[in-house]
Amino acid sequence: MTLLHFILLIYAFLLSFFITDWSKTADSSAWSEPITNASNKLNIPLTVYGIGDHQAYADPEHQFQSAYGITTTGAVLVRPDGFIAWRIHILPSDPTQTLEQVLRKILCLAFE
């Protein structure tokens, strides 16, 4: 086994360990289907937390949006260690494609 193979094995192990707890927070139910689609296509488990009006977690004063710099249609992708990996201010025209591209870039996955 070469050093490169060893490094890649460690990277694959760490990636599989950390990727299980990625989370996507959003104040819009419009993200539910795109998140599920991208998660299934890339075989990356994502936990979705809806925050805001008519969501699982209430935010009556809309502090979440201002704290994270998003609107009611925006979303935040949080790494397993709690750092923000990506955020988008508003819902894009094709949220599934946008999220898939973001995940591929963040995780260094090949683009199709």
Protein backbone atom coordinates (compact mmCIF):
# COMPACT_ATOMS: atom_id res chain seq x y z
CA MET A 1 0.00 0.00 0.00
CA THR A 2 1.38 3.38 -0.99
CA LEU A 3 1.15 6.55 1.08
CA LEU A 4 -1.52 7.91 -1.29
CA HIS A 5 -3.70 4.81 -0.79
CA PHE A 6 -3.28 5.12 2.97
CA ILE A 7 -4.28 8.80 2.92
CA LEU A 8 -7.32 8.03 0.74
CA LEU A 9 -8.41 5.24 3.10
CA ILE A 10 -8.18 7.59 6.09
CA TYR A 11 -10.09 10.27 4.18
CA ALA A 12 -12.83 7.79 3.19
CA PHE A 13 -13.15 6.63 6.80
CA LEU A 14 -13.36 10.16 8.18
CA LEU A 15 -15.82 11.21 5.50
CA SER A 16 -18.11 8.26 6.22
CA PHE A 17 -17.89 9.01 9.94
CA PHE A 18 -18.74 12.71 9.72
CA ILE A 19 -21.19 12.77 6.83
CA THR A 20 -23.93 11.00 8.78
CA ASP A 21 -24.87 14.14 10.69
CA TRP A 22 -24.97 16.86 8.04
CA SER A 23 -28.04 18.94 8.51
CA LYS A 24 -29.99 21.32 6.38
CA THR A 25 -31.97 24.02 8.14
CA ALA A 26 -34.60 26.00 6.34
CA ASP A 27 -37.71 28.06 6.95
CA SER A 28 -39.40 26.84 3.80
CA SER A 29 -41.10 23.54 3.08
CA ALA A 30 -40.02 24.10 -0.53
CA TRP A 31 -36.63 22.62 0.45
CA SER A 32 -37.96 19.24 1.63
CA GLU A 33 -38.18 17.55 -1.77
CA PRO A 34 -34.91 18.98 -3.18
CA ILE A 35 -33.04 17.89 -0.04
CA THR A 36 -34.49 14.39 -0.26
CA ASN A 37 -33.70 14.16 -3.99
CA ALA A 38 -30.10 15.33 -3.63
CA SER A 39 -29.55 13.14 -0.58
CA ASN A 40 -30.86 10.06 -2.38
CA LYS A 41 -29.01 10.74 -5.62
CA LEU A 42 -25.65 11.25 -3.89
CA ASN A 43 -26.33 8.62 -1.20
CA ILE A 44 -25.57 11.19 1.50
CA PRO A 45 -27.81 11.12 4.55
CA LEU A 46 -29.02 14.58 5.50
CA THR A 47 -31.09 15.53 8.51
CA VAL A 48 -33.57 18.27 7.76
CA TYR A 49 -34.69 20.75 10.40
CA GLY A 50 -37.51 23.08 9.42
CA ILE A 51 -37.35 26.30 11.41
CA GLY A 52 -40.00 29.01 11.27
CA ASP A 53 -43.72 29.38 10.67
CA HIS A 54 -45.52 26.04 10.25
CA GLN A 55 -42.25 24.11 10.69
CA ALA A 56 -41.06 21.58 13.28
CA TYR A 57 -39.20 24.30 15.21
CA ALA A 58 -40.94 27.60 15.85
CA ASP A 59 -39.21 30.94 15.45
CA PRO A 60 -41.97 33.48 16.13
CA GLU A 61 -39.63 36.46 16.13
CA HIS A 62 -37.77 35.33 12.98
CA GLN A 63 -34.41 35.56 14.72
CA PHE A 64 -33.12 32.47 12.92
CA GLN A 65 -33.32 34.18 9.55
CA SER A 66 -31.45 37.29 10.60
CA ALA A 67 -28.87 35.31 12.59
CA TYR A 68 -28.08 33.08 9.61
CA GLY A 69 -28.43 35.72 6.89
CA ILE A 70 -31.25 34.08 4.97
CA THR A 71 -34.82 34.89 4.01
CA THR A 72 -37.92 32.75 4.58
CA THR A 73 -37.01 30.75 1.45
CA GLY A 74 -33.28 30.45 2.17
CA ALA A 75 -31.41 27.53 3.72
CA VAL A 76 -28.23 26.69 5.62
CA LEU A 77 -26.12 23.53 5.31
CA VAL A 78 -24.41 22.77 8.63
CA ARG A 79 -21.42 20.45 8.89
CA PRO A 80 -21.42 17.70 11.53
CA ASP A 81 -19.02 19.79 13.64
CA GLY A 82 -21.48 22.69 13.70
CA PHE A 83 -19.78 24.96 11.16
CA ILE A 84 -21.79 26.40 8.32
CA ALA A 85 -20.71 24.76 5.08
CA TRP A 86 -23.05 26.74 2.83
CA ARG A 87 -26.00 29.08 2.92
CA ILE A 88 -28.31 30.53 0.32
CA HIS A 89 -30.32 33.69 0.82
CA ILE A 90 -33.36 32.70 -1.29
CA LEU A 91 -34.74 29.58 -2.95
CA PRO A 92 -33.00 29.16 -6.35
CA SER A 93 -34.90 28.32 -9.52
CA ASP A 94 -33.67 24.70 -9.34
CA PRO A 95 -32.97 23.93 -5.67
CA THR A 96 -32.27 20.22 -6.26
CA GLN A 97 -29.55 20.92 -8.82
CA THR A 98 -28.10 23.74 -6.72
CA LEU A 99 -27.91 21.60 -3.59
CA GLU A 100 -26.44 18.66 -5.49
CA GLN A 101 -23.71 20.88 -6.98
CA VAL A 102 -22.95 22.36 -3.56
CA LEU A 103 -22.67 18.94 -1.92
CA ARG A 104 -20.45 17.65 -4.74
CA LYS A 105 -18.15 20.66 -4.37
CA ILE A 106 -17.99 20.58 -0.57
CA LEU A 107 -17.36 16.82 -0.47
CA CYS A 108 -15.05 16.74 -3.49
CA LEU A 109 -17.34 14.40 -5.42
CA ALA A 110 -17.15 14.10 -9.20
CA PHE A 111 -19.58 16.16 -11.26
CA GLU A 112 -21.71 14.31 -13.80
